Amino acid sequence: MIPVLDKPSSLIHEIRIEKVGPWSLFKFSDGLQDQMEMLLEKKKAGALTIEEVGALEAIGELDRIFTHINAMVAAENGNQ
């Protein structure tokens, strides 16, 4: 069962920092990554519930934030 998520910050405990090459980047826990992939598959099949739509939106927002932050970290480290 997918928990109802009011906002992306409710997922803060699912975040970790992982060393990727020379950078330390924000990453989802394996469990949250698996959950996102499962929700995306259900979305493709047109089988998401209302609660799952909200969960996928919250995870997606957090993913966009981390992608932006990680890109900024990579750009900053590339300029050094």
N, C-alpha and C. Protein backbone atom coordinates (compact mmCIF):
# COMPACT_ATOMS: atom_id res chain seq x y z
N MET A 1 0.83 -1.18 0.00
CA MET A 1 0.00 0.00 0.00
C MET A 1 0.88 1.25 0.00
N ILE A 2 0.53 2.20 -0.84
CA ILE A 2 1.27 3.44 -0.96
C ILE A 2 0.75 4.43 0.08
N PRO A 3 1.65 5.02 0.89
CA PRO A 3 1.17 6.00 1.87
C PRO A 3 0.71 7.28 1.20
N VAL A 4 -0.26 7.94 1.80
CA VAL A 4 -0.71 9.23 1.30
C VAL A 4 0.35 10.26 1.67
N LEU A 5 0.79 11.03 0.69
CA LEU A 5 1.85 12.02 0.91
C LEU A 5 1.28 13.41 0.71
N ASP A 6 1.36 14.23 1.75
CA ASP A 6 0.87 15.59 1.65
C ASP A 6 1.86 16.49 0.93
N LYS A 7 3.14 16.23 1.14
CA LYS A 7 4.16 17.08 0.55
C LYS A 7 5.48 16.32 0.46
N PRO A 8 6.34 16.75 -0.45
CA PRO A 8 7.62 16.05 -0.63
C PRO A 8 8.47 15.96 0.63
N SER A 9 8.38 16.96 1.51
CA SER A 9 9.21 16.93 2.72
C SER A 9 8.89 15.74 3.62
N SER A 10 7.72 15.11 3.41
CA SER A 10 7.40 13.93 4.22
C SER A 10 8.30 12.74 3.85
N LEU A 11 9.06 12.87 2.77
CA LEU A 11 9.95 11.80 2.33
C LEU A 11 11.39 12.02 2.76
N ILE A 12 11.64 12.99 3.62
CA ILE A 12 13.00 13.38 3.99
C ILE A 12 13.82 12.19 4.53
N HIS A 13 13.16 11.27 5.20
CA HIS A 13 13.87 10.10 5.75
C HIS A 13 14.28 9.10 4.66
N GLU A 14 13.84 9.32 3.43
CA GLU A 14 14.17 8.43 2.31
C GLU A 14 15.32 8.96 1.46
N ILE A 15 16.01 9.97 1.96
CA ILE A 15 17.08 10.62 1.20
C ILE A 15 18.43 10.22 1.77
N ARG A 16 19.39 10.01 0.89
CA ARG A 16 20.75 9.71 1.32
C ARG A 16 21.72 10.46 0.43
N ILE A 17 22.93 10.54 0.86
CA ILE A 17 24.00 11.15 0.06
C ILE A 17 24.92 10.02 -0.38
N GLU A 18 25.18 9.98 -1.67
CA GLU A 18 25.99 8.91 -2.23
C GLU A 18 27.16 9.51 -3.01
N LYS A 19 28.32 8.93 -2.83
CA LYS A 19 29.51 9.35 -3.57
C LYS A 19 29.42 8.79 -4.98
N VAL A 20 29.42 9.68 -5.97
CA VAL A 20 29.38 9.30 -7.38
C VAL A 20 30.55 9.99 -8.06
N GLY A 21 31.57 9.23 -8.37
CA GLY A 21 32.79 9.84 -8.89
C GLY A 21 33.34 10.78 -7.84
N PRO A 22 33.69 12.00 -8.23
CA PRO A 22 34.25 12.95 -7.26
C PRO A 22 33.18 13.69 -6.44
N TRP A 23 31.89 13.46 -6.74
CA TRP A 23 30.83 14.25 -6.11
C TRP A 23 30.03 13.45 -5.09
N SER A 24 29.54 14.15 -4.09
CA SER A 24 28.56 13.61 -3.16
C SER A 24 27.21 14.15 -3.60
N LEU A 25 26.31 13.24 -4.02
CA LEU A 25 25.03 13.64 -4.59
C LEU A 25 23.86 13.12 -3.76
N PHE A 26 22.75 13.85 -3.83
CA PHE A 26 21.52 13.42 -3.18
C PHE A 26 20.90 12.29 -4.00
N LYS A 27 20.48 11.24 -3.32
CA LYS A 27 19.85 10.09 -3.97
C LYS A 27 18.66 9.62 -3.13
N PHE A 28 17.72 8.94 -3.80
CA PHE A 28 16.62 8.29 -3.08
C PHE A 28 17.12 6.99 -2.46
N SER A 29 16.49 6.59 -1.36
CA SER A 29 16.77 5.26 -0.82
C SER A 29 16.34 4.23 -1.87
N ASP A 30 16.85 3.02 -1.74
CA ASP A 30 16.45 1.97 -2.69
C ASP A 30 14.94 1.75 -2.65
N GLY A 31 14.36 1.80 -1.45
CA GLY A 31 12.92 1.60 -1.31
C GLY A 31 12.11 2.67 -2.03
N LEU A 32 12.51 3.93 -1.89
CA LEU A 32 11.78 5.01 -2.56
C LEU A 32 11.98 4.94 -4.07
N GLN A 33 13.18 4.59 -4.51
CA GLN A 33 13.44 4.43 -5.94
C GLN A 33 12.54 3.33 -6.51
N ASP A 34 12.44 2.20 -5.80
CA ASP A 34 11.58 1.11 -6.25
C ASP A 34 10.12 1.54 -6.28
N GLN A 35 9.70 2.29 -5.27
CA GLN A 35 8.32 2.77 -5.21
C GLN A 35 8.02 3.68 -6.40
N MET A 36 8.95 4.60 -6.72
CA MET A 36 8.75 5.50 -7.84
C MET A 36 8.63 4.71 -9.15
N GLU A 37 9.50 3.73 -9.35
CA GLU A 37 9.46 2.93 -10.57
C GLU A 37 8.16 2.15 -10.68
N MET A 38 7.67 1.60 -9.55
CA MET A 38 6.41 0.87 -9.56
C MET A 38 5.25 1.80 -9.90
N LEU A 39 5.25 3.01 -9.33
CA LEU A 39 4.19 3.97 -9.62
C LEU A 39 4.22 4.41 -11.09
N LEU A 40 5.41 4.59 -11.63
CA LEU A 40 5.53 4.96 -13.04
C LEU A 40 4.99 3.86 -13.95
N GLU A 41 5.26 2.60 -13.59
CA GLU A 41 4.72 1.48 -14.36
C GLU A 41 3.19 1.45 -14.29
N LYS A 42 2.65 1.68 -13.10
CA LYS A 42 1.19 1.70 -12.94
C LYS A 42 0.59 2.87 -13.72
N LYS A 43 1.32 4.00 -13.76
CA LYS A 43 0.83 5.16 -14.52
C LYS A 43 0.76 4.81 -16.01
N LYS A 44 1.80 4.16 -16.53
CA LYS A 44 1.82 3.76 -17.94
C LYS A 44 0.65 2.84 -18.26
N ALA A 45 0.28 2.00 -17.29
CA ALA A 45 -0.82 1.06 -17.48
C ALA A 45 -2.19 1.70 -17.21
N GLY A 46 -2.17 2.96 -16.78
CA GLY A 46 -3.43 3.65 -16.48
C GLY A 46 -4.12 3.10 -15.25
N ALA A 47 -3.33 2.61 -14.28
CA ALA A 47 -3.91 1.93 -13.13
C ALA A 47 -3.63 2.62 -11.80
N LEU A 48 -3.27 3.91 -11.80
CA LEU A 48 -2.99 4.62 -10.55
C LEU A 48 -4.27 4.99 -9.83
N THR A 49 -4.26 4.85 -8.52
CA THR A 49 -5.36 5.35 -7.69
C THR A 49 -5.11 6.84 -7.43
N ILE A 50 -6.09 7.51 -6.89
CA ILE A 50 -5.94 8.93 -6.54
C ILE A 50 -4.78 9.12 -5.57
N GLU A 51 -4.68 8.24 -4.57
CA GLU A 51 -3.60 8.34 -3.59
C GLU A 51 -2.24 8.14 -4.25
N GLU A 52 -2.17 7.21 -5.19
CA GLU A 52 -0.92 6.95 -5.88
C GLU A 52 -0.53 8.11 -6.80
N VAL A 53 -1.50 8.79 -7.38
CA VAL A 53 -1.21 9.96 -8.19
C VAL A 53 -0.52 11.01 -7.32
N GLY A 54 -1.06 11.25 -6.12
CA GLY A 54 -0.46 12.21 -5.19
C GLY A 54 0.94 11.81 -4.77
N ALA A 55 1.12 10.52 -4.50
CA ALA A 55 2.44 10.03 -4.09
C ALA A 55 3.45 10.21 -5.23
N LEU A 56 3.04 9.88 -6.45
CA LEU A 56 3.95 10.02 -7.59
C LEU A 56 4.29 11.49 -7.83
N GLU A 57 3.33 12.37 -7.66
CA GLU A 57 3.60 13.80 -7.82
C GLU A 57 4.60 14.30 -6.78
N ALA A 58 4.44 13.87 -5.52
CA ALA A 58 5.37 14.28 -4.46
C ALA A 58 6.78 13.75 -4.72
N ILE A 59 6.87 12.49 -5.10
CA ILE A 59 8.19 11.89 -5.40
C ILE A 59 8.80 12.58 -6.61
N GLY A 60 7.99 12.85 -7.62
CA GLY A 60 8.48 13.52 -8.82
C GLY A 60 9.00 14.92 -8.54
N GLU A 61 8.30 15.65 -7.66
CA GLU A 61 8.77 16.99 -7.30
C GLU A 61 10.12 16.92 -6.59
N LEU A 62 10.24 15.98 -5.67
CA LEU A 62 11.50 15.81 -4.96
C LEU A 62 12.61 15.40 -5.93
N ASP A 63 12.29 14.55 -6.89
CA ASP A 63 13.27 14.13 -7.89
C ASP A 63 13.74 15.32 -8.72
N ARG A 64 12.83 16.21 -9.11
CA ARG A 64 13.23 17.40 -9.87
C ARG A 64 14.12 18.32 -9.04
N ILE A 65 13.81 18.47 -7.76
CA ILE A 65 14.63 19.30 -6.87
C ILE A 65 16.04 18.73 -6.77
N PHE A 66 16.14 17.42 -6.54
CA PHE A 66 17.45 16.78 -6.40
C PHE A 66 18.23 16.82 -7.70
N THR A 67 17.56 16.65 -8.81
CA THR A 67 18.23 16.72 -10.10
C THR A 67 18.86 18.10 -10.28
N HIS A 68 18.13 19.13 -9.92
CA HIS A 68 18.64 20.50 -10.04
C HIS A 68 19.82 20.73 -9.09
N ILE A 69 19.67 20.33 -7.84
CA ILE A 69 20.76 20.51 -6.87
C ILE A 69 22.00 19.73 -7.29
N ASN A 70 21.81 18.49 -7.71
CA ASN A 70 22.95 17.66 -8.13
C ASN A 70 23.64 18.26 -9.36
N ALA A 71 22.86 18.84 -10.26
CA ALA A 71 23.46 19.49 -11.44
C ALA A 71 24.28 20.71 -11.01
N MET A 72 23.77 21.46 -10.04
CA MET A 72 24.52 22.61 -9.54
C MET A 72 25.82 22.16 -8.88
N VAL A 73 25.78 21.09 -8.11
CA VAL A 73 26.99 20.56 -7.47
C VAL A 73 28.00 20.13 -8.53
N ALA A 74 27.53 19.42 -9.55
CA ALA A 74 28.42 18.96 -10.61
C ALA A 74 29.02 20.13 -11.36
N ALA A 75 28.21 21.15 -11.64
CA ALA A 75 28.72 22.33 -12.35
C ALA A 75 29.74 23.07 -11.51
N GLU A 76 29.48 23.23 -10.24
CA GLU A 76 30.41 23.91 -9.34
C GLU A 76 31.72 23.15 -9.25
N ASN A 77 31.66 21.85 -9.12
CA ASN A 77 32.87 21.05 -9.03
C ASN A 77 33.61 21.02 -10.36
N GLY A 78 32.89 21.13 -11.47
CA GLY A 78 33.52 21.17 -12.78
C GLY A 78 34.25 22.46 -13.05
N ASN A 79 33.86 23.52 -12.33
CA ASN A 79 34.49 24.83 -12.52
C ASN A 79 35.73 25.01 -11.65
N GLN A 80 36.03 24.04 -10.82
CA GLN A 80 37.17 24.17 -9.91
C GLN A 80 38.42 23.58 -10.50
